[in-house]
């Protein structure tokens, strides 16, 4: 919130805004950050035959420690990872020890959305 109001930064951000020294961050055009602590990599290729879809999404996670929203799996940044991302469960990660993410998890659980413990 402070970055948006004080610096004029948008809430939805390209990775290079927070990782300007990471050349791989510049190449990511199908994923984005919400603020600085939530990483979203939507599935953009439609699978025509649902039964044949593996629902695996490859995601570049930048520097830091990231946790997959749905499974709770932890990933060290600076690499590409693959996660299960079926319809309704996009590839979403949050920074470990993030206050914003803890609030997001609480809100989702309060609404009955099944996220990891």
N, C-alpha and C. Protein backbone atom coordinates (compact mmCIF):
# COMPACT_ATOMS: atom_id res chain seq x y z
N UNK A 1 0.82 -1.19 0.00
CA UNK A 1 0.00 0.00 0.00
C UNK A 1 0.87 1.26 0.00
N UNK A 2 1.90 1.26 0.87
CA UNK A 2 2.78 2.43 0.94
C UNK A 2 3.51 2.68 -0.38
N UNK A 3 3.96 1.60 -1.03
CA UNK A 3 4.66 1.77 -2.31
C UNK A 3 3.74 2.36 -3.35
N UNK A 4 2.49 1.97 -3.32
CA UNK A 4 1.53 2.50 -4.29
C UNK A 4 1.23 3.97 -4.02
N UNK A 5 1.03 4.33 -2.76
CA UNK A 5 0.67 5.71 -2.47
C UNK A 5 1.86 6.66 -2.48
N UNK A 6 3.00 6.20 -1.95
CA UNK A 6 4.16 7.09 -1.85
C UNK A 6 5.00 7.13 -3.13
N UNK A 7 5.12 5.99 -3.81
CA UNK A 7 5.97 5.92 -4.99
C UNK A 7 5.19 5.91 -6.30
N UNK A 8 3.88 5.71 -6.21
CA UNK A 8 3.07 5.65 -7.41
C UNK A 8 3.17 4.33 -8.15
N UNK A 9 3.70 3.28 -7.49
CA UNK A 9 3.84 1.98 -8.13
C UNK A 9 2.47 1.30 -8.22
N UNK A 10 2.20 0.61 -9.31
CA UNK A 10 0.93 -0.11 -9.42
C UNK A 10 0.92 -1.32 -8.49
N UNK A 11 -0.25 -1.81 -8.18
CA UNK A 11 -0.37 -3.01 -7.35
C UNK A 11 0.10 -4.23 -8.14
N UNK A 12 -0.29 -4.31 -9.41
CA UNK A 12 0.14 -5.39 -10.29
C UNK A 12 1.45 -4.96 -10.94
N UNK A 13 2.50 -5.77 -10.75
CA UNK A 13 3.84 -5.35 -11.17
C UNK A 13 4.57 -6.43 -11.95
N UNK A 14 5.37 -6.00 -12.90
CA UNK A 14 6.27 -6.92 -13.59
C UNK A 14 7.40 -7.27 -12.62
N UNK A 15 7.95 -8.46 -12.75
CA UNK A 15 9.00 -8.91 -11.83
C UNK A 15 10.22 -8.00 -11.82
N UNK A 16 10.56 -7.42 -12.97
CA UNK A 16 11.78 -6.61 -13.03
C UNK A 16 11.72 -5.40 -12.12
N UNK A 17 10.51 -4.97 -11.73
CA UNK A 17 10.40 -3.81 -10.85
C UNK A 17 11.06 -4.09 -9.50
N UNK A 18 10.94 -5.31 -9.00
CA UNK A 18 11.54 -5.67 -7.72
C UNK A 18 12.84 -6.45 -7.86
N UNK A 19 13.11 -6.93 -9.06
CA UNK A 19 14.33 -7.72 -9.30
C UNK A 19 15.07 -7.17 -10.52
N UNK A 20 15.50 -5.91 -10.45
CA UNK A 20 16.11 -5.26 -11.63
C UNK A 20 17.44 -5.86 -12.05
N UNK A 21 18.12 -6.57 -11.17
CA UNK A 21 19.41 -7.17 -11.51
C UNK A 21 19.29 -8.64 -11.92
N UNK A 22 18.07 -9.12 -12.07
CA UNK A 22 17.84 -10.52 -12.44
C UNK A 22 17.42 -10.57 -13.91
N UNK A 23 18.32 -11.00 -14.81
CA UNK A 23 17.97 -11.02 -16.23
C UNK A 23 16.79 -11.94 -16.54
N UNK A 24 16.59 -13.00 -15.76
CA UNK A 24 15.46 -13.89 -16.01
C UNK A 24 14.13 -13.24 -15.62
N UNK A 25 14.16 -12.31 -14.69
CA UNK A 25 12.93 -11.59 -14.32
C UNK A 25 12.40 -10.78 -15.49
N UNK A 26 13.30 -10.24 -16.29
CA UNK A 26 12.90 -9.44 -17.46
C UNK A 26 12.15 -10.28 -18.49
N UNK A 27 12.45 -11.56 -18.56
CA UNK A 27 11.88 -12.44 -19.58
C UNK A 27 10.48 -12.94 -19.24
N UNK A 28 10.01 -12.71 -18.04
CA UNK A 28 8.74 -13.28 -17.59
C UNK A 28 7.57 -12.38 -17.99
N UNK A 29 6.87 -12.78 -19.03
CA UNK A 29 5.74 -11.98 -19.52
C UNK A 29 4.39 -12.62 -19.26
N UNK A 30 4.39 -13.79 -18.65
CA UNK A 30 3.13 -14.47 -18.36
C UNK A 30 2.94 -14.68 -16.86
N UNK A 31 3.63 -13.88 -16.06
CA UNK A 31 3.44 -13.93 -14.61
C UNK A 31 3.70 -12.53 -14.08
N UNK A 32 3.23 -12.28 -12.86
CA UNK A 32 3.33 -10.94 -12.30
C UNK A 32 3.32 -11.00 -10.78
N UNK A 33 3.67 -9.88 -10.18
CA UNK A 33 3.62 -9.74 -8.73
C UNK A 33 2.41 -8.90 -8.36
N UNK A 34 1.77 -9.25 -7.25
CA UNK A 34 0.78 -8.39 -6.61
C UNK A 34 1.51 -7.78 -5.44
N UNK A 35 1.80 -6.48 -5.54
CA UNK A 35 2.68 -5.87 -4.57
C UNK A 35 4.05 -6.48 -4.75
N UNK A 36 4.73 -6.72 -3.64
CA UNK A 36 6.07 -7.32 -3.74
C UNK A 36 6.11 -8.74 -3.18
N UNK A 37 4.98 -9.23 -2.64
CA UNK A 37 5.03 -10.48 -1.89
C UNK A 37 4.17 -11.61 -2.43
N UNK A 38 3.37 -11.36 -3.45
CA UNK A 38 2.51 -12.39 -4.03
C UNK A 38 2.90 -12.53 -5.50
N UNK A 39 3.23 -13.74 -5.92
CA UNK A 39 3.61 -14.05 -7.29
C UNK A 39 2.50 -14.87 -7.93
N UNK A 40 2.03 -14.42 -9.09
CA UNK A 40 0.94 -15.09 -9.79
C UNK A 40 1.41 -15.47 -11.20
N UNK A 41 1.17 -16.72 -11.56
CA UNK A 41 1.52 -17.20 -12.90
C UNK A 41 0.28 -17.89 -13.48
N UNK A 42 -0.60 -17.11 -14.10
CA UNK A 42 -1.83 -17.71 -14.62
C UNK A 42 -1.55 -18.68 -15.77
N UNK A 43 -2.43 -19.64 -15.92
CA UNK A 43 -2.35 -20.57 -17.04
C UNK A 43 -2.96 -19.85 -18.24
N UNK A 44 -2.18 -19.67 -19.27
CA UNK A 44 -2.64 -18.92 -20.44
C UNK A 44 -2.91 -19.79 -21.66
N UNK A 45 -2.50 -21.04 -21.61
CA UNK A 45 -2.74 -21.97 -22.72
C UNK A 45 -3.88 -22.90 -22.36
N UNK A 46 -4.95 -22.81 -23.13
CA UNK A 46 -6.11 -23.65 -22.86
C UNK A 46 -5.84 -25.08 -23.30
N UNK A 47 -6.21 -26.01 -22.45
CA UNK A 47 -6.08 -27.42 -22.77
C UNK A 47 -7.41 -27.88 -23.38
N UNK A 48 -7.37 -28.39 -24.58
CA UNK A 48 -8.60 -28.74 -25.29
C UNK A 48 -9.24 -30.04 -24.80
N UNK A 49 -8.44 -30.94 -24.28
CA UNK A 49 -8.96 -32.23 -23.85
C UNK A 49 -8.66 -32.42 -22.37
N UNK A 50 -9.62 -32.07 -21.53
CA UNK A 50 -9.44 -32.05 -20.08
C UNK A 50 -8.82 -33.33 -19.53
N UNK A 51 -9.24 -34.47 -20.01
CA UNK A 51 -8.73 -35.73 -19.48
C UNK A 51 -7.26 -35.96 -19.82
N UNK A 52 -6.76 -35.27 -20.84
CA UNK A 52 -5.37 -35.45 -21.24
C UNK A 52 -4.45 -34.36 -20.69
N UNK A 53 -5.00 -33.42 -19.97
CA UNK A 53 -4.22 -32.30 -19.45
C UNK A 53 -3.46 -32.71 -18.20
N UNK A 54 -2.20 -32.30 -18.11
CA UNK A 54 -1.45 -32.60 -16.89
C UNK A 54 -1.53 -31.47 -15.87
N UNK A 55 -2.01 -30.30 -16.29
CA UNK A 55 -2.20 -29.14 -15.42
C UNK A 55 -0.92 -28.71 -14.71
N UNK A 56 0.21 -28.92 -15.34
CA UNK A 56 1.48 -28.50 -14.77
C UNK A 56 1.85 -27.14 -15.34
N UNK A 57 2.19 -26.22 -14.47
CA UNK A 57 2.59 -24.86 -14.86
C UNK A 57 4.04 -24.65 -14.45
N UNK A 58 4.86 -24.23 -15.40
CA UNK A 58 6.25 -23.87 -15.11
C UNK A 58 6.29 -22.40 -14.74
N UNK A 59 6.95 -22.10 -13.64
CA UNK A 59 6.97 -20.74 -13.10
C UNK A 59 8.40 -20.38 -12.70
N UNK A 60 8.80 -19.19 -13.05
CA UNK A 60 10.09 -18.69 -12.58
C UNK A 60 9.86 -17.99 -11.25
N UNK A 61 10.51 -18.46 -10.20
CA UNK A 61 10.41 -17.81 -8.89
C UNK A 61 11.70 -17.01 -8.67
N UNK A 62 11.56 -15.70 -8.43
CA UNK A 62 12.74 -14.87 -8.23
C UNK A 62 13.39 -15.11 -6.87
N UNK A 63 14.47 -14.44 -6.64
CA UNK A 63 15.24 -14.58 -5.41
C UNK A 63 14.36 -14.53 -4.17
N UNK A 64 14.68 -15.37 -3.21
CA UNK A 64 13.95 -15.41 -1.95
C UNK A 64 13.39 -16.79 -1.71
N UNK A 65 12.60 -16.90 -0.67
CA UNK A 65 11.93 -18.15 -0.35
C UNK A 65 10.44 -17.96 -0.61
N UNK A 66 9.88 -18.83 -1.43
CA UNK A 66 8.49 -18.71 -1.86
C UNK A 66 7.71 -19.97 -1.48
N UNK A 67 6.44 -19.78 -1.14
CA UNK A 67 5.57 -20.89 -0.76
C UNK A 67 4.39 -20.93 -1.73
N UNK A 68 4.12 -22.13 -2.24
CA UNK A 68 2.98 -22.33 -3.14
C UNK A 68 1.70 -22.25 -2.31
N UNK A 69 0.78 -21.40 -2.74
CA UNK A 69 -0.44 -21.12 -1.97
C UNK A 69 -1.26 -22.37 -1.69
N UNK A 70 -1.40 -23.25 -2.66
CA UNK A 70 -2.33 -24.37 -2.51
C UNK A 70 -1.71 -25.56 -1.81
N UNK A 71 -0.45 -25.84 -2.06
CA UNK A 71 0.16 -27.05 -1.49
C UNK A 71 0.99 -26.79 -0.24
N UNK A 72 1.49 -25.56 -0.10
CA UNK A 72 2.40 -25.25 0.99
C UNK A 72 3.84 -25.63 0.71
N UNK A 73 4.10 -26.14 -0.50
CA UNK A 73 5.47 -26.50 -0.87
C UNK A 73 6.33 -25.24 -0.92
N UNK A 74 7.56 -25.36 -0.41
CA UNK A 74 8.48 -24.22 -0.38
C UNK A 74 9.50 -24.35 -1.49
N UNK A 75 9.85 -23.19 -2.09
CA UNK A 75 10.81 -23.15 -3.18
C UNK A 75 11.83 -22.06 -2.93
N UNK A 76 13.07 -22.37 -3.25
CA UNK A 76 14.13 -21.36 -3.21
C UNK A 76 14.10 -20.64 -4.55
N UNK A 77 14.14 -19.32 -4.52
CA UNK A 77 14.05 -18.54 -5.73
C UNK A 77 15.28 -18.60 -6.61
N UNK A 78 15.14 -17.97 -7.78
CA UNK A 78 16.22 -17.94 -8.74
C UNK A 78 16.20 -19.14 -9.67
N UNK A 79 15.04 -19.80 -9.76
CA UNK A 79 14.93 -20.99 -10.61
C UNK A 79 13.50 -21.14 -11.13
N UNK A 80 13.37 -22.01 -12.13
CA UNK A 80 12.04 -22.34 -12.63
C UNK A 80 11.56 -23.58 -11.90
N UNK A 81 10.30 -23.56 -11.48
CA UNK A 81 9.71 -24.70 -10.79
C UNK A 81 8.42 -25.09 -11.52
N UNK A 82 7.97 -26.29 -11.28
CA UNK A 82 6.72 -26.78 -11.87
C UNK A 82 5.75 -27.10 -10.76
N UNK A 83 4.51 -26.61 -10.91
CA UNK A 83 3.48 -26.86 -9.91
C UNK A 83 2.19 -27.30 -10.60
N UNK A 84 1.38 -27.99 -9.87
CA UNK A 84 0.07 -28.42 -10.34
C UNK A 84 -0.86 -27.20 -10.32
N UNK A 85 -1.50 -26.91 -11.46
CA UNK A 85 -2.35 -25.72 -11.56
C UNK A 85 -3.60 -26.02 -12.39
N UNK A 86 -4.51 -26.82 -11.83
CA UNK A 86 -5.76 -27.09 -12.56
C UNK A 86 -6.67 -25.87 -12.55
N UNK A 87 -7.74 -25.93 -13.31
CA UNK A 87 -8.69 -24.83 -13.37
C UNK A 87 -9.16 -24.51 -11.95
N UNK A 88 -9.14 -23.24 -11.60
CA UNK A 88 -9.57 -22.80 -10.28
C UNK A 88 -8.46 -22.72 -9.25
N UNK A 89 -7.28 -23.23 -9.60
CA UNK A 89 -6.14 -23.23 -8.68
C UNK A 89 -4.89 -22.73 -9.42
N UNK A 90 -4.87 -21.44 -9.75
CA UNK A 90 -3.72 -20.92 -10.50
C UNK A 90 -2.44 -21.00 -9.69
N UNK A 91 -1.33 -20.93 -10.39
CA UNK A 91 -0.03 -20.98 -9.73
C UNK A 91 0.19 -19.65 -9.00
N UNK A 92 0.03 -19.70 -7.68
CA UNK A 92 0.20 -18.52 -6.83
C UNK A 92 1.18 -18.87 -5.73
N UNK A 93 2.12 -17.97 -5.49
CA UNK A 93 3.14 -18.15 -4.46
C UNK A 93 3.18 -16.90 -3.60
N UNK A 94 3.65 -17.06 -2.38
CA UNK A 94 3.87 -15.90 -1.54
C UNK A 94 5.22 -16.02 -0.87
N UNK A 95 5.78 -14.86 -0.52
CA UNK A 95 7.08 -14.85 0.16
C UNK A 95 6.93 -15.40 1.57
N UNK A 96 7.88 -16.23 1.93
CA UNK A 96 7.90 -16.79 3.27
C UNK A 96 8.01 -15.66 4.29
N UNK A 97 7.29 -15.76 5.39
CA UNK A 97 7.26 -14.78 6.48
C UNK A 97 6.61 -13.47 6.06
N UNK A 98 5.73 -13.52 5.09
CA UNK A 98 5.04 -12.32 4.61
C UNK A 98 3.79 -12.05 5.43
N UNK A 99 3.70 -10.85 6.00
CA UNK A 99 2.50 -10.46 6.74
C UNK A 99 1.30 -10.41 5.81
N UNK A 100 1.50 -9.87 4.63
CA UNK A 100 0.41 -9.76 3.64
C UNK A 100 -0.13 -11.15 3.31
N UNK A 101 0.77 -12.10 3.09
CA UNK A 101 0.35 -13.46 2.76
C UNK A 101 -0.38 -14.12 3.92
N UNK A 102 0.07 -13.91 5.12
CA UNK A 102 -0.62 -14.48 6.28
C UNK A 102 -2.05 -13.96 6.36
N UNK A 103 -2.23 -12.69 6.06
CA UNK A 103 -3.59 -12.12 6.06
C UNK A 103 -4.42 -12.72 4.92
N UNK A 104 -3.80 -12.89 3.75
CA UNK A 104 -4.49 -13.51 2.62
C UNK A 104 -4.95 -14.92 2.99
N UNK A 105 -4.05 -15.72 3.58
CA UNK A 105 -4.41 -17.08 3.98
C UNK A 105 -5.55 -17.08 4.99
N UNK A 106 -5.48 -16.19 5.96
CA UNK A 106 -6.55 -16.10 6.96
C UNK A 106 -7.88 -15.77 6.30
N UNK A 107 -7.88 -14.78 5.42
CA UNK A 107 -9.11 -14.38 4.74
C UNK A 107 -9.68 -15.52 3.90
N UNK A 108 -8.80 -16.25 3.19
CA UNK A 108 -9.27 -17.36 2.37
C UNK A 108 -9.87 -18.45 3.24
N UNK A 109 -9.21 -18.78 4.34
CA UNK A 109 -9.74 -19.81 5.24
C UNK A 109 -11.07 -19.37 5.86
N UNK A 110 -11.15 -18.08 6.22
CA UNK A 110 -12.41 -17.57 6.78
C UNK A 110 -13.57 -17.70 5.78
N UNK A 111 -13.24 -17.65 4.50
CA UNK A 111 -14.27 -17.78 3.45
C UNK A 111 -14.49 -19.23 3.04
N UNK A 112 -13.81 -20.17 3.70
CA UNK A 112 -13.99 -21.57 3.42
C UNK A 112 -13.20 -22.08 2.22
N UNK A 113 -12.21 -21.33 1.78
CA UNK A 113 -11.37 -21.74 0.66
C UNK A 113 -10.26 -22.62 1.21
N UNK A 114 -10.09 -23.78 0.60
CA UNK A 114 -9.15 -24.79 1.09
C UNK A 114 -7.72 -24.45 0.63
N UNK A 115 -6.93 -23.90 1.54
CA UNK A 115 -5.51 -23.65 1.29
C UNK A 115 -4.72 -24.44 2.33
N UNK A 116 -3.44 -24.59 2.08
CA UNK A 116 -2.61 -25.41 2.97
C UNK A 116 -2.61 -24.85 4.39
N UNK A 117 -2.25 -25.70 5.31
CA UNK A 117 -2.14 -25.29 6.73
C UNK A 117 -0.75 -24.86 7.05
